[in-house]
Amino acid sequence: MTVLASELKASYAFVERNFFLTKRYWGWELAFLVYSVAGALSISLIGASVGDDRLLLSLIVGAIFWNYLSVVFGWIAETIAVERWEGTLEYTFMAPVRRWTQLLGSCAYAMVYGLVHTAVILVVLVLFFPQLNPGAMNLTTAGVFMALGSFSFVGIGMMAAILPLLYVERGAQMTFVIQSCLLLVSGVYYSIEVLPPWMQVIAHLSPATYVLEGVRAGLLDGTPVSELLGDVVPLIIMGIVLIPAGLWAFARAERYAKRTGKLKRVG
């Protein structure tokens, strides 16, 4: 128990460190928030322009919850890039801290940051579109799918974090490629049925597909979680598989980076 408490304190230290990084670069964070709000409004106005409240709400859900999932994914995937940028990557990886401790702290901060970021966007959209009726929405269903989706994206984010570790010059850009592919196949702004058949197969391998289907069912139709087990079960399986897989892959990449001297490189 003493060892566990010590590791949890170390995880909190990484949470606090990431908070101070956000505070230090508050200008970038504000710019990203304004960009996200403008993007969500631009997408949502498509539904408003055709006078279809259901389409409007569907687009709002896609914009809001994709923002949350992408923020969680991005923070985890860019952890290595930030460490390298700050010049602390080698020191962090040589510190007597278990790697899961560091990743746990980074993931916890990513989820909290994503919730705050998304809450701001949600408030703006609700104020901008007063015709929405929150009373008919099943917020419990939306919350459950957000939580399950977060764990799945944590595993993918850990794997994506390997890229900046192994590819110093272009690894960070490669994480955006992964995020863009997930956006394309996950039905964020449209039903996956409009995709070619081979892309629909890939769509069912993305946790974001199930998250968005569940959230939309909860908010548009008030569907309870008990009626969406077909989306819940895949998310649970993905979370169970992807998080250990991400930890295993990251550990192997770390050993390789240490052996080849990639931790020292900054460009």
Protein backbone atom coordinates (compact mmCIF):
# COMPACT_ATOMS: atom_id res chain seq x y z
CA MET A 1 0.00 0.00 0.00
CA THR A 2 2.90 2.33 0.75
CA VAL A 3 4.37 1.72 -2.70
CA LEU A 4 0.99 2.29 -4.35
CA ALA A 5 0.46 5.53 -2.44
CA SER A 6 3.92 6.70 -3.49
CA GLU A 7 3.20 5.93 -7.16
CA LEU A 8 -0.14 7.72 -7.00
CA LYS A 9 1.59 10.79 -5.57
CA ALA A 10 4.05 10.61 -8.45
CA SER A 11 1.13 10.38 -10.89
CA TYR A 12 -0.38 13.49 -9.33
CA ALA A 13 2.96 15.22 -9.83
CA PHE A 14 2.61 14.64 -13.58
CA VAL A 15 -0.93 16.00 -13.44
CA GLU A 16 0.36 19.11 -11.72
CA ARG A 17 3.25 19.44 -14.16
CA ASN A 18 0.87 19.29 -17.14
CA PHE A 19 -1.35 21.89 -15.50
CA PHE A 20 1.58 24.28 -15.19
CA LEU A 21 2.50 23.61 -18.83
CA THR A 22 -1.03 24.57 -19.83
CA LYS A 23 -0.81 27.67 -17.65
CA ARG A 24 2.55 28.64 -19.14
CA TYR A 25 1.25 28.42 -22.71
CA TRP A 26 -2.19 29.85 -21.95
CA GLY A 27 -2.13 31.89 -25.15
CA TRP A 28 -1.94 28.74 -27.25
CA GLU A 29 -4.68 27.13 -25.18
CA LEU A 30 -6.95 30.14 -25.61
CA ALA A 31 -6.33 30.20 -29.35
CA PHE A 32 -7.12 26.47 -29.59
CA LEU A 33 -10.30 26.95 -27.55
CA VAL A 34 -11.50 29.79 -29.79
CA TYR A 35 -10.71 27.67 -32.85
CA SER A 36 -12.63 24.71 -31.41
CA VAL A 37 -15.66 26.87 -30.54
CA ALA A 38 -15.67 28.43 -34.01
CA GLY A 39 -15.36 25.01 -35.63
CA ALA A 40 -18.21 23.54 -33.59
CA LEU A 41 -20.44 26.52 -34.39
CA SER A 42 -19.59 26.33 -38.10
CA ILE A 43 -20.53 22.66 -38.27
CA SER A 44 -23.70 23.14 -36.20
CA LEU A 45 -24.93 26.00 -38.36
CA ILE A 46 -25.25 23.54 -41.25
CA GLY A 47 -28.13 21.91 -39.37
CA ALA A 48 -29.59 25.28 -38.44
CA SER A 49 -29.49 26.45 -42.07
CA VAL A 50 -31.81 23.62 -43.22
CA GLY A 51 -34.20 24.06 -40.28
CA ASP A 52 -33.79 20.48 -39.05
CA ASP A 53 -33.45 20.40 -35.25
CA ARG A 54 -32.52 16.70 -35.23
CA LEU A 55 -29.73 17.26 -37.73
CA LEU A 56 -28.64 20.30 -35.73
CA LEU A 57 -28.42 18.30 -32.51
CA SER A 58 -26.67 15.43 -34.29
CA LEU A 59 -24.01 17.80 -35.62
CA ILE A 60 -23.64 19.48 -32.23
CA VAL A 61 -23.11 16.08 -30.59
CA GLY A 62 -20.53 15.17 -33.21
CA ALA A 63 -18.67 18.47 -32.81
CA ILE A 64 -18.69 18.46 -29.00
CA PHE A 65 -17.79 14.88 -28.33
CA TRP A 66 -15.26 14.61 -31.11
CA ASN A 67 -13.60 17.65 -29.56
CA TYR A 68 -13.48 15.85 -26.21
CA LEU A 69 -12.08 12.62 -27.63
CA SER A 70 -9.56 14.41 -29.82
CA VAL A 71 -8.35 16.52 -26.87
CA VAL A 72 -7.85 13.39 -24.77
CA PHE A 73 -6.10 11.63 -27.65
CA GLY A 74 -4.00 14.66 -28.53
CA TRP A 75 -2.76 15.35 -24.99
CA ILE A 76 -1.63 11.75 -24.53
CA ALA A 77 -0.16 11.38 -27.99
CA GLU A 78 1.76 14.67 -27.71
CA THR A 79 3.17 13.95 -24.25
CA ILE A 80 6.53 12.95 -25.72
CA ALA A 81 6.62 15.91 -28.09
CA VAL A 82 6.01 18.31 -25.18
CA GLU A 83 8.73 16.65 -23.10
CA ARG A 84 11.17 16.95 -26.00
CA TRP A 85 10.17 20.56 -26.59
CA GLU A 86 10.73 21.37 -22.92
CA GLY A 87 14.08 19.56 -22.95
CA THR A 88 13.03 17.25 -20.09
CA LEU A 89 12.45 14.00 -22.02
CA GLU A 90 15.71 12.31 -21.09
CA TYR A 91 15.48 13.35 -17.44
CA THR A 92 11.89 12.14 -17.13
CA PHE A 93 12.64 8.76 -18.67
CA MET A 94 15.73 8.24 -16.53
CA ALA A 95 13.91 9.18 -13.30
CA PRO A 96 13.12 6.34 -10.84
CA VAL A 97 9.41 6.40 -11.71
CA ARG A 98 7.42 3.56 -13.18
CA ARG A 99 6.28 4.33 -16.69
CA TRP A 100 2.65 3.50 -15.95
CA THR A 101 2.83 6.13 -13.21
CA GLN A 102 3.77 8.81 -15.70
CA LEU A 103 1.19 7.68 -18.23
CA LEU A 104 -1.52 7.49 -15.56
CA GLY A 105 -0.89 11.10 -14.57
CA SER A 106 -0.84 12.27 -18.19
CA CYS A 107 -4.04 10.38 -19.00
CA ALA A 108 -5.86 11.69 -15.92
CA TYR A 109 -4.95 15.26 -16.78
CA ALA A 110 -5.97 14.73 -20.41
CA MET A 111 -9.45 13.59 -19.33
CA VAL A 112 -9.96 16.50 -16.92
CA TYR A 113 -8.65 19.01 -19.44
CA GLY A 114 -10.87 17.51 -22.13
CA LEU A 115 -13.95 17.79 -19.91
CA VAL A 116 -13.25 21.45 -19.09
CA HIS A 117 -12.51 22.27 -22.72
CA THR A 118 -15.66 20.52 -23.91
CA ALA A 119 -17.84 22.09 -21.19
CA VAL A 120 -16.93 25.56 -22.44
CA ILE A 121 -17.90 24.62 -25.99
CA LEU A 122 -21.16 23.05 -24.77
CA VAL A 123 -22.14 26.20 -22.87
CA VAL A 124 -21.46 28.37 -25.94
CA LEU A 125 -23.52 26.10 -28.20
CA VAL A 126 -26.44 25.94 -25.78
CA LEU A 127 -26.48 29.75 -25.57
CA PHE A 128 -26.19 30.03 -29.35
CA PHE A 129 -29.02 27.55 -30.05
CA PRO A 130 -31.72 28.18 -27.39
CA GLN A 131 -34.19 25.92 -29.24
CA LEU A 132 -32.42 22.84 -27.87
CA ASN A 133 -34.33 20.99 -25.14
CA PRO A 134 -31.93 19.51 -22.56
CA GLY A 135 -34.84 18.01 -20.63
CA ALA A 136 -35.41 15.27 -23.23
CA MET A 137 -31.77 14.18 -23.21
CA ASN A 138 -30.43 11.17 -21.33
CA LEU A 139 -27.25 12.66 -19.89
CA THR A 140 -26.41 9.43 -18.03
CA THR A 141 -26.08 7.55 -21.31
CA ALA A 142 -23.87 10.27 -22.75
CA GLY A 143 -21.66 10.25 -19.63
CA VAL A 144 -21.25 6.46 -19.67
CA PHE A 145 -20.21 6.42 -23.31
CA MET A 146 -17.82 9.34 -22.78
CA ALA A 147 -16.12 7.47 -19.94
CA LEU A 148 -15.85 4.20 -21.86
CA GLY A 149 -14.60 5.99 -24.95
CA SER A 150 -11.98 7.83 -22.92
CA PHE A 151 -10.37 4.57 -21.79
CA SER A 152 -10.29 3.24 -25.34
CA PHE A 153 -8.71 6.44 -26.63
CA VAL A 154 -6.14 6.33 -23.83
CA GLY A 155 -4.82 3.06 -25.26
CA ILE A 156 -4.69 4.46 -28.78
CA GLY A 157 -3.03 7.62 -27.47
CA MET A 158 -0.30 5.58 -25.76
CA MET A 159 0.46 3.85 -29.03
CA ALA A 160 0.46 7.14 -30.91
CA ALA A 161 2.87 8.61 -28.34
CA ILE A 162 5.43 6.13 -29.60
CA LEU A 163 5.72 8.01 -32.89
CA PRO A 164 7.27 11.24 -31.49
CA LEU A 165 9.56 9.02 -29.42
CA LEU A 166 10.93 7.05 -32.38
CA TYR A 167 10.64 9.64 -35.15
CA VAL A 168 12.07 12.85 -33.78
CA GLU A 169 11.50 15.11 -36.80
CA ARG A 170 8.05 13.98 -37.93
CA GLY A 171 6.54 11.87 -35.15
CA ALA A 172 4.24 14.61 -33.86
CA GLN A 173 2.84 15.18 -37.35
CA MET A 174 2.20 11.45 -37.72
CA THR A 175 -0.10 11.51 -34.67
CA PHE A 176 -2.32 14.03 -36.49
CA VAL A 177 -2.56 11.59 -39.40
CA ILE A 178 -3.95 8.94 -37.03
CA GLN A 179 -6.41 11.42 -35.55
CA SER A 180 -7.56 12.51 -39.01
CA CYS A 181 -8.16 8.91 -40.07
CA LEU A 182 -10.26 8.31 -36.95
CA LEU A 183 -12.27 11.44 -37.76
CA LEU A 184 -12.91 10.17 -41.29
CA VAL A 185 -14.14 6.67 -40.44
CA SER A 186 -15.95 7.24 -37.12
CA GLY A 187 -19.13 8.92 -38.37
CA VAL A 188 -18.56 12.16 -36.51
CA TYR A 189 -20.68 14.32 -38.80
CA TYR A 190 -22.48 11.67 -40.83
CA SER A 191 -23.70 8.09 -40.56
CA ILE A 192 -21.06 5.47 -41.31
CA GLU A 193 -23.58 3.87 -43.73
CA VAL A 194 -22.58 6.50 -46.33
CA LEU A 195 -19.02 5.19 -46.33
CA PRO A 196 -17.81 2.57 -48.85
CA PRO A 197 -18.25 -1.00 -47.51
CA TRP A 198 -14.53 -1.49 -46.85
CA MET A 199 -14.42 1.72 -44.81
CA GLN A 200 -17.46 0.64 -42.81
CA VAL A 201 -15.46 -2.39 -41.68
CA ILE A 202 -12.69 -0.08 -40.47
CA ALA A 203 -15.28 2.18 -38.81
CA HIS A 204 -16.37 -0.67 -36.55
CA LEU A 205 -12.78 -0.95 -35.31
CA SER A 206 -12.81 2.66 -34.09
CA PRO A 207 -14.02 3.27 -30.52
CA ALA A 208 -15.22 6.73 -31.56
CA THR A 209 -17.88 5.09 -33.74
CA TYR A 210 -19.53 3.41 -30.75
CA VAL A 211 -19.11 6.46 -28.52
CA LEU A 212 -20.86 8.76 -30.98
CA GLU A 213 -23.64 6.26 -31.68
CA GLY A 214 -24.29 5.86 -27.96
CA VAL A 215 -24.13 9.57 -27.18
CA ARG A 216 -26.46 10.43 -30.06
CA ALA A 217 -28.94 7.74 -28.99
CA GLY A 218 -28.91 9.13 -25.45
CA LEU A 219 -29.21 12.80 -26.34
CA LEU A 220 -31.46 12.60 -29.40
CA ASP A 221 -33.80 9.80 -28.35
CA GLY A 222 -33.28 9.55 -24.58
CA THR A 223 -32.20 5.90 -24.92
CA PRO A 224 -30.96 4.30 -21.66
CA VAL A 225 -27.64 2.48 -21.50
CA SER A 226 -29.39 -0.86 -20.99
CA GLU A 227 -30.71 -0.69 -24.55
CA LEU A 228 -27.30 0.06 -26.07
CA LEU A 229 -25.31 -2.98 -24.98
CA GLY A 230 -24.35 -3.58 -28.60
CA ASP A 231 -22.24 -0.41 -28.36
CA VAL A 232 -21.19 -0.78 -24.72
CA VAL A 233 -19.65 -4.25 -25.02
CA PRO A 234 -17.25 -3.36 -27.90
CA LEU A 235 -16.07 -0.29 -25.99
CA ILE A 236 -15.38 -2.32 -22.85
CA ILE A 237 -13.46 -4.91 -24.87
CA MET A 238 -11.47 -2.22 -26.66
CA GLY A 239 -10.57 -0.54 -23.36
CA ILE A 240 -9.45 -3.86 -21.83
CA VAL A 241 -7.33 -4.68 -24.88
CA LEU A 242 -5.97 -1.29 -25.93
CA ILE A 243 -4.67 0.02 -22.58
CA PRO A 244 -2.41 -3.01 -21.82
CA ALA A 245 -1.40 -3.11 -25.48
CA GLY A 246 -0.48 0.57 -25.32
CA LEU A 247 1.59 0.10 -22.16
CA TRP A 248 3.39 -2.90 -23.67
CA ALA A 249 4.13 -1.14 -26.96
CA PHE A 250 5.30 2.03 -25.21
CA ALA A 251 7.67 0.04 -22.97
CA ARG A 252 9.26 -1.64 -25.99
CA ALA A 253 9.60 1.68 -27.80
CA GLU A 254 11.17 3.25 -24.71
CA ARG A 255 13.81 0.53 -24.48
CA TYR A 256 14.63 0.97 -28.15
CA ALA A 257 14.83 4.77 -27.82
CA LYS A 258 17.22 4.48 -24.86
CA ARG A 259 19.39 1.96 -26.69
CA THR A 260 19.64 4.09 -29.83
CA GLY A 261 20.06 7.48 -28.13
CA LYS A 262 16.80 9.00 -29.37
CA LEU A 263 15.98 10.47 -25.94
CA LYS A 264 18.85 12.90 -26.24
CA ARG A 265 17.87 14.24 -29.63
CA VAL A 266 15.79 17.39 -29.83
CA GLY A 267 15.56 17.67 -33.61
